Amino acid sequence: MLIRSGKIQFLFWTAFFSVMVYLWIAWVGLQTFVLPDEKPMELPHDEIVLMFILYGLLSVMLMAGTVVAVMINNRYYRNFFGFMIFVAFGSLLVAKSMFG
């Protein structure tokens, strides 16, 4: 079994949970706004608050991963977190443009 340093383990788990949180955001957004059984008469506040909290958590994880990857000069995780920041920001802009 390979024993990795604590920094690499932190980057791995931060990347793993950031992908899981992003998939959770996508699932809640699709289930609530794109594929509902019927059109809601008003905005579902609980789902909006959940997505706001998840986007905040995702941004904190992505920034922490980026900072650690830059500090230890790990190119793979630096590129990964940069790509995830781009994807998260793009999905936030798309969601904002679709739903005002």
Protein backbone atom coordinates (compact mmCIF):
# COMPACT_ATOMS: atom_id res chain seq x y z
CA MET A 1 0.00 0.00 0.00
CA LEU A 2 1.32 3.41 -0.93
CA ILE A 3 1.51 5.90 1.87
CA ARG A 4 0.88 9.41 0.60
CA SER A 5 1.57 12.64 2.39
CA GLY A 6 -1.20 14.42 4.23
CA LYS A 7 -1.29 17.22 1.67
CA ILE A 8 -1.92 14.84 -1.23
CA GLN A 9 -4.60 13.05 0.77
CA PHE A 10 -6.23 16.40 1.53
CA LEU A 11 -6.19 17.29 -2.17
CA PHE A 12 -7.67 13.92 -3.14
CA TRP A 13 -10.51 14.08 -0.63
CA THR A 14 -11.20 17.72 -1.38
CA ALA A 15 -11.41 16.90 -5.09
CA PHE A 16 -13.65 13.89 -4.39
CA PHE A 17 -16.08 15.81 -2.20
CA SER A 18 -16.11 18.82 -4.52
CA VAL A 19 -17.21 16.55 -7.38
CA MET A 20 -19.86 14.96 -5.14
CA VAL A 21 -21.19 18.37 -4.05
CA TYR A 22 -21.28 19.53 -7.66
CA LEU A 23 -23.24 16.44 -8.67
CA TRP A 24 -25.60 17.10 -5.75
CA ILE A 25 -26.11 20.67 -6.99
CA ALA A 26 -26.80 19.43 -10.51
CA TRP A 27 -29.23 16.79 -9.24
CA VAL A 28 -31.19 19.24 -7.09
CA GLY A 29 -31.27 21.81 -9.89
CA LEU A 30 -32.46 19.33 -12.50
CA GLN A 31 -35.01 17.74 -10.21
CA THR A 32 -36.42 21.06 -9.02
CA PHE A 33 -36.29 23.36 -12.03
CA VAL A 34 -35.89 21.32 -15.21
CA LEU A 35 -37.78 18.06 -14.64
CA PRO A 36 -40.66 18.85 -12.25
CA ASP A 37 -43.97 17.01 -12.54
CA GLU A 38 -45.86 20.28 -12.74
CA LYS A 39 -44.88 23.93 -12.93
CA PRO A 40 -44.60 25.41 -9.42
CA MET A 41 -46.71 28.48 -8.76
CA GLU A 42 -43.92 30.05 -6.69
CA LEU A 43 -40.22 29.43 -6.26
CA PRO A 44 -39.33 26.53 -3.91
CA HIS A 45 -37.43 28.36 -1.19
CA ASP A 46 -36.01 25.24 0.50
CA GLU A 47 -34.29 24.05 -2.67
CA ILE A 48 -32.96 27.52 -3.42
CA VAL A 49 -31.47 27.79 0.07
CA LEU A 50 -29.99 24.28 -0.26
CA MET A 51 -28.38 25.17 -3.60
CA PHE A 52 -27.04 28.45 -2.15
CA ILE A 53 -25.45 26.57 0.75
CA LEU A 54 -24.03 23.89 -1.57
CA TYR A 55 -22.53 26.49 -3.91
CA GLY A 56 -20.91 28.19 -0.90
CA LEU A 57 -19.50 24.89 0.32
CA LEU A 58 -18.28 24.05 -3.17
CA SER A 59 -16.53 27.39 -3.53
CA VAL A 60 -14.78 26.98 -0.17
CA MET A 61 -13.59 23.47 -1.07
CA LEU A 62 -12.39 24.56 -4.51
CA MET A 63 -10.49 27.54 -3.15
CA ALA A 64 -8.89 25.45 -0.39
CA GLY A 65 -7.83 22.81 -2.89
CA THR A 66 -6.45 25.41 -5.26
CA VAL A 67 -4.44 27.14 -2.54
CA VAL A 68 -2.93 23.87 -1.26
CA ALA A 69 -2.15 22.66 -4.80
CA VAL A 70 -0.42 25.94 -5.63
CA MET A 71 1.55 25.93 -2.36
CA ILE A 72 2.92 22.40 -2.89
CA ASN A 73 3.26 22.95 -6.67
CA ASN A 74 1.09 20.00 -7.71
CA ARG A 75 0.22 20.54 -11.37
CA TYR A 76 -2.47 17.82 -11.64
CA TYR A 77 -4.62 19.09 -8.77
CA ARG A 78 -4.00 22.71 -9.73
CA ASN A 79 -5.41 21.99 -13.19
CA PHE A 80 -8.25 19.91 -11.74
CA PHE A 81 -9.37 22.58 -9.30
CA GLY A 82 -9.01 25.27 -11.97
CA PHE A 83 -11.25 23.27 -14.28
CA MET A 84 -13.79 22.68 -11.51
CA ILE A 85 -13.86 26.40 -10.69
CA PHE A 86 -14.54 27.11 -14.35
CA VAL A 87 -17.34 24.50 -14.47
CA ALA A 88 -18.92 25.68 -11.20
CA PHE A 89 -18.83 29.33 -12.25
CA GLY A 90 -20.22 28.46 -15.68
CA SER A 91 -23.09 26.44 -14.21
CA LEU A 92 -23.84 29.26 -11.77
CA LEU A 93 -24.02 31.73 -14.67
CA VAL A 94 -26.24 29.40 -16.71
CA ALA A 95 -28.59 28.86 -13.78
CA LYS A 96 -28.71 32.58 -13.05
CA SER A 97 -29.43 33.43 -16.68
CA MET A 98 -32.21 30.81 -16.94
CA PHE A 99 -34.04 31.56 -13.73
CA GLY A 100 -33.33 35.25 -13.15
